[in-house]
Amino acid sequence: MKKLIIAASFALMTMMSCTQQTNEVKILAHRGNASTGSEFTTDENTLDALRRAQELDFAGCEFDVHLTADDQLVIRHDDKIAPGLSCQGSTFEEIRAHKLPFGHQIPTLREWLEQAKKTPQMKQMLEIKAQKGDREKILIAKSLEIIRELDMLDQMYLLSFDAATLDEVLRQEPNVKVILNSSSLHNSLTPDEVEKRGYHAISYNINVILNHVDWIEEFREKGIETFFWMVNTPYLYNMAKELGFTWVTTDFYDTITQE
């Protein structure tokens, strides 16, 4: 395994050294823009983090959606919120009463999208968090209902680590863009597989890219957008540009863009 990683790293560096030009790459705010410099200065996945991303004119903003025990859609990465309180196991009223470390409330999907609609040029990447049983289908249906109501299909991407979830999204709404997320070599579909399933983009982390550098060009040739995560250093940001990624996902915009 160690030899494989070293060989893959060498192949990656060789490709970078042969690159003739630096490509433009779009920046995606991970859970909103919650940092200043290299420090977190607000709560992620909140309306404040979204507004900060809008003020800096990010190309896109990623956020996570859960379905509460009483079927409300809330924005939060982890299911667990506090002892005895969780997104999927508690009611919206219970969740709403909780204050995050910087004093913000956990927003609803509707609140998030109403704010996001004010900057239609900024794409919104909605990650579907895994739910138990058929509740994932309910989450997808309710999310799409709000997206359609607000006339935001063109502004949205829906993403998941599970290909079956993306298949369900496209079954319910063939006109929305979807992104396959992966940090696993075993769950990372090839360019041909992604194209066959009708996915619009992939978001693979560095562990996958080190072993499949050649896929980047294949995805580009097929018109499939490529997201690289997590990109929290200038080195990885420059690597993404040289390899020709479409997007980078970052927590620290100030850090990666410093000269």
Protein backbone atom coordinates (compact mmCIF):
# COMPACT_ATOMS: atom_id res chain seq x y z
CA MET A 1 0.00 0.00 0.00
CA LYS A 2 2.81 2.41 0.90
CA LYS A 3 4.54 1.73 -2.43
CA LEU A 4 1.25 2.35 -4.25
CA ILE A 5 0.79 5.74 -2.60
CA ILE A 6 4.38 6.76 -3.37
CA ALA A 7 3.98 5.69 -7.00
CA ALA A 8 0.68 7.53 -7.31
CA SER A 9 2.18 10.67 -5.77
CA PHE A 10 5.05 10.52 -8.26
CA ALA A 11 2.61 10.17 -11.16
CA LEU A 12 0.64 13.16 -9.90
CA MET A 13 3.74 15.33 -9.58
CA THR A 14 4.90 14.27 -13.05
CA MET A 15 1.61 15.33 -14.57
CA MET A 16 1.73 18.65 -12.75
CA SER A 17 5.28 19.31 -13.95
CA CYS A 18 4.17 18.74 -17.56
CA THR A 19 1.28 21.19 -17.35
CA GLN A 20 1.82 24.13 -19.67
CA GLN A 21 -0.67 26.56 -18.15
CA THR A 22 -2.63 27.26 -14.98
CA ASN A 23 -6.39 26.88 -15.40
CA GLU A 24 -9.09 28.88 -13.71
CA VAL A 25 -10.93 26.98 -11.01
CA LYS A 26 -14.19 27.85 -9.28
CA ILE A 27 -14.25 28.04 -5.47
CA LEU A 28 -16.97 26.32 -3.47
CA ALA A 29 -17.61 27.47 0.10
CA HIS A 30 -17.82 24.36 2.29
CA ARG A 31 -20.91 24.69 4.53
CA GLY A 32 -20.85 28.42 3.78
CA ASN A 33 -17.94 30.73 4.48
CA ALA A 34 -17.44 30.30 8.23
CA SER A 35 -13.79 31.36 8.52
CA THR A 36 -11.60 34.44 8.58
CA GLY A 37 -7.98 33.69 7.75
CA SER A 38 -7.32 30.23 9.20
CA GLU A 39 -9.82 30.50 12.06
CA PHE A 40 -13.54 29.73 12.21
CA THR A 41 -15.34 32.94 13.14
CA THR A 42 -18.98 31.95 12.70
CA ASP A 43 -21.13 28.82 12.74
CA GLU A 44 -20.97 26.69 9.59
CA ASN A 45 -24.19 25.78 7.75
CA THR A 46 -25.93 28.93 8.99
CA LEU A 47 -27.45 31.90 7.20
CA ASP A 48 -24.57 34.02 8.47
CA ALA A 49 -22.06 31.68 6.76
CA LEU A 50 -24.12 31.79 3.57
CA ARG A 51 -24.28 35.60 3.59
CA ARG A 52 -20.51 35.78 4.04
CA ALA A 53 -20.05 33.57 0.99
CA GLN A 54 -22.42 35.80 -0.96
CA GLU A 55 -20.53 38.93 0.05
CA LEU A 56 -17.29 37.42 -1.32
CA ASP A 57 -19.06 36.29 -4.49
CA PHE A 58 -18.14 32.61 -4.25
CA ALA A 59 -19.01 30.59 -7.35
CA GLY A 60 -20.86 28.07 -5.19
CA CYS A 61 -21.87 27.15 -1.66
CA GLU A 62 -22.28 23.63 -0.23
CA PHE A 63 -24.63 22.76 2.64
CA ASP A 64 -26.18 19.68 4.27
CA VAL A 65 -29.84 18.76 4.78
CA HIS A 66 -31.50 16.48 7.33
CA LEU A 67 -35.14 15.49 7.86
CA THR A 68 -36.33 16.07 11.44
CA ALA A 69 -38.53 13.70 13.43
CA ASP A 70 -41.57 15.81 12.44
CA ASP A 71 -40.58 15.97 8.76
CA GLN A 72 -39.01 19.42 8.59
CA LEU A 73 -35.85 20.09 6.55
CA VAL A 74 -32.94 21.61 8.47
CA ILE A 75 -29.37 22.59 7.54
CA ARG A 76 -26.71 20.79 9.58
CA HIS A 77 -23.72 18.53 8.87
CA ASP A 78 -23.78 16.16 11.85
CA ASP A 79 -26.99 14.48 12.94
CA LYS A 80 -26.05 14.92 16.60
CA ILE A 81 -26.44 18.49 17.85
CA ALA A 82 -26.10 18.19 21.63
CA PRO A 83 -26.73 15.53 24.29
CA GLY A 84 -30.30 14.33 23.75
CA LEU A 85 -30.73 16.49 20.64
CA SER A 86 -30.32 15.40 17.02
CA CYS A 87 -31.54 16.47 13.61
CA GLN A 88 -33.27 13.22 12.76
CA GLY A 89 -34.43 12.24 16.24
CA SER A 90 -35.79 15.57 17.52
CA THR A 91 -38.60 17.90 16.48
CA PHE A 92 -38.04 21.15 14.65
CA GLU A 93 -39.20 23.12 17.69
CA GLU A 94 -36.59 21.40 19.88
CA ILE A 95 -33.87 21.97 17.29
CA ARG A 96 -34.82 25.61 16.76
CA ALA A 97 -34.44 26.36 20.46
CA HIS A 98 -30.77 25.36 20.36
CA LYS A 99 -28.07 28.01 19.93
CA LEU A 100 -24.84 27.14 18.14
CA PRO A 101 -21.41 28.20 19.51
CA PHE A 102 -21.48 31.62 17.81
CA GLY A 103 -25.11 32.20 18.77
CA HIS A 104 -26.89 31.28 15.56
CA GLN A 105 -29.90 29.02 15.02
CA ILE A 106 -29.98 26.00 12.76
CA PRO A 107 -31.80 27.20 9.62
CA THR A 108 -34.44 25.49 7.54
CA LEU A 109 -33.95 24.60 3.90
CA ARG A 110 -36.54 27.18 2.88
CA GLU A 111 -34.74 29.94 4.79
CA TRP A 112 -31.43 28.94 3.20
CA LEU A 113 -32.79 28.88 -0.34
CA GLU A 114 -34.69 32.15 0.03
CA GLN A 115 -31.40 33.80 0.99
CA ALA A 116 -29.48 31.94 -1.74
CA LYS A 117 -31.97 33.06 -4.39
CA LYS A 118 -30.75 36.65 -3.86
CA THR A 119 -27.49 35.70 -5.64
CA PRO A 120 -28.65 33.49 -8.54
CA GLN A 121 -25.13 33.39 -10.03
CA MET A 122 -23.94 31.42 -6.98
CA LYS A 123 -24.62 27.71 -7.42
CA GLN A 124 -26.01 25.85 -4.40
CA MET A 125 -24.83 22.31 -3.64
CA LEU A 126 -27.31 20.49 -1.40
CA GLU A 127 -25.85 17.38 0.24
CA ILE A 128 -28.47 14.78 1.11
CA LYS A 129 -27.55 13.33 4.49
CA ALA A 130 -28.22 9.62 4.93
CA GLN A 131 -31.61 8.85 6.49
CA LYS A 132 -33.13 5.62 7.79
CA GLY A 133 -35.45 3.57 5.59
CA ASP A 134 -37.71 5.45 3.20
CA ARG A 135 -37.10 8.76 4.93
CA GLU A 136 -34.37 9.58 2.42
CA LYS A 137 -36.96 9.51 -0.38
CA ILE A 138 -39.12 11.87 1.68
CA LEU A 139 -36.17 14.22 2.20
CA ILE A 140 -35.49 14.26 -1.54
CA ALA A 141 -39.14 14.84 -2.42
CA LYS A 142 -39.57 17.67 0.09
CA SER A 143 -36.31 19.32 -0.99
CA LEU A 144 -37.27 19.21 -4.66
CA GLU A 145 -40.71 20.57 -3.86
CA ILE A 146 -39.21 23.70 -2.28
CA ILE A 147 -36.61 24.05 -5.05
CA ARG A 148 -39.34 23.92 -7.71
CA GLU A 149 -41.58 26.30 -5.78
CA LEU A 150 -38.76 28.87 -5.62
CA ASP A 151 -37.90 28.23 -9.29
CA MET A 152 -34.28 27.38 -8.43
CA LEU A 153 -33.60 24.16 -10.38
CA ASP A 154 -31.04 25.92 -12.56
CA GLN A 155 -29.15 27.15 -9.48
CA MET A 156 -29.00 23.77 -7.72
CA TYR A 157 -26.86 20.65 -7.57
CA LEU A 158 -27.81 17.74 -5.29
CA LEU A 159 -25.00 15.55 -3.99
CA SER A 160 -24.52 12.34 -2.05
CA PHE A 161 -21.90 9.72 -1.23
CA ASP A 162 -24.42 7.06 -2.32
CA ALA A 163 -24.99 6.45 -6.03
CA ALA A 164 -28.41 4.90 -5.30
CA THR A 165 -29.47 8.18 -3.66
CA LEU A 166 -28.49 10.13 -6.77
CA ASP A 167 -30.41 7.66 -8.92
CA GLU A 168 -33.48 8.39 -6.80
CA VAL A 169 -32.95 12.15 -7.18
CA LEU A 170 -32.86 11.81 -10.97
CA ARG A 171 -35.91 9.55 -10.89
CA GLN A 172 -37.86 12.25 -9.05
CA GLU A 173 -36.38 15.17 -11.02
CA PRO A 174 -34.45 14.40 -14.23
CA ASN A 175 -33.65 18.10 -14.79
CA VAL A 176 -31.57 18.70 -11.67
CA LYS A 177 -27.78 18.34 -11.63
CA VAL A 178 -26.26 15.73 -9.29
CA ILE A 179 -22.76 15.21 -7.88
CA LEU A 180 -21.25 11.93 -6.68
CA ASN A 181 -19.10 12.49 -3.59
CA SER A 182 -16.40 9.99 -2.66
CA SER A 183 -13.38 9.55 -0.43
CA SER A 184 -13.13 5.80 -1.08
CA LEU A 185 -11.33 4.03 -3.88
CA HIS A 186 -13.99 1.31 -3.71
CA ASN A 187 -16.94 3.70 -4.15
CA SER A 188 -15.46 6.06 -6.74
CA LEU A 189 -17.09 5.42 -10.09
CA THR A 190 -15.01 5.60 -13.25
CA PRO A 191 -15.64 8.29 -15.88
CA ASP A 192 -17.53 5.77 -18.04
CA GLU A 193 -19.72 4.69 -15.11
CA VAL A 194 -20.50 8.28 -14.12
CA GLU A 195 -21.45 9.13 -17.71
CA LYS A 196 -23.63 6.02 -18.04
CA ARG A 197 -25.60 6.89 -14.89
CA GLY A 198 -26.20 10.43 -16.12
CA TYR A 199 -24.40 12.24 -13.30
CA HIS A 200 -23.28 15.80 -14.01
CA ALA A 201 -20.28 16.00 -11.67
CA ILE A 202 -18.01 14.14 -9.26
CA SER A 203 -16.41 15.36 -6.04
CA TYR A 204 -13.43 13.14 -5.15
CA ASN A 205 -10.91 13.75 -2.40
CA ILE A 206 -7.14 13.58 -2.69
CA ASN A 207 -6.94 9.88 -1.74
CA VAL A 208 -8.93 9.03 -4.86
CA ILE A 209 -7.14 11.52 -7.12
CA LEU A 210 -3.66 10.24 -6.16
CA ASN A 211 -4.62 6.85 -7.54
CA HIS A 212 -6.61 8.02 -10.58
CA VAL A 213 -4.94 11.15 -11.95
CA ASP A 214 -5.83 10.09 -15.49
CA TRP A 215 -9.56 10.32 -14.70
CA ILE A 216 -9.48 14.11 -14.49
CA GLU A 217 -8.90 14.52 -18.23
CA GLU A 218 -11.41 11.76 -19.01
CA PHE A 219 -14.10 13.51 -16.99
CA ARG A 220 -13.32 16.81 -18.69
CA GLU A 221 -13.59 15.21 -22.15
CA LYS A 222 -17.02 13.83 -21.22
CA GLY A 223 -18.25 17.23 -20.02
CA ILE A 224 -18.47 16.06 -16.40
CA GLU A 225 -17.53 18.70 -13.82
CA THR A 226 -14.85 17.80 -11.28
CA PHE A 227 -14.73 18.93 -7.65
CA PHE A 228 -11.59 18.48 -5.51
CA TRP A 229 -11.87 18.36 -1.72
CA MET A 230 -10.79 19.34 0.82
CA VAL A 231 -8.57 22.11 -0.51
CA ASN A 232 -7.39 24.08 2.52
CA THR A 233 -3.82 24.96 1.50
CA PRO A 234 -2.36 27.05 -1.35
CA TYR A 235 -0.43 23.97 -2.51
CA LEU A 236 -3.60 21.93 -3.10
CA TYR A 237 -5.34 24.94 -4.65
CA ASN A 238 -2.51 25.36 -7.16
CA MET A 239 -2.51 21.61 -7.80
CA ALA A 240 -6.21 21.74 -8.62
CA LYS A 241 -5.66 24.57 -11.10
CA GLU A 242 -2.74 22.82 -12.79
CA LEU A 243 -4.62 19.54 -13.10
CA GLY A 244 -7.66 21.28 -14.58
CA PHE A 245 -10.34 20.70 -11.94
CA THR A 246 -13.59 22.62 -12.41
CA TRP A 247 -14.06 23.35 -8.70
CA VAL A 248 -12.28 23.24 -5.35
CA THR A 249 -14.11 22.87 -2.05
CA THR A 250 -12.58 24.82 0.85
CA ASP A 251 -13.09 25.82 4.47
CA PHE A 252 -10.43 28.54 4.32
CA TYR A 253 -10.86 30.86 1.34
CA ASP A 254 -8.45 33.48 2.75
CA THR A 255 -5.71 30.89 3.22
CA ILE A 256 -5.81 29.15 -0.16
CA THR A 257 -5.97 32.37 -2.20
CA GLN A 258 -3.12 34.18 -0.46
CA GLU A 259 -0.19 35.06 -2.74
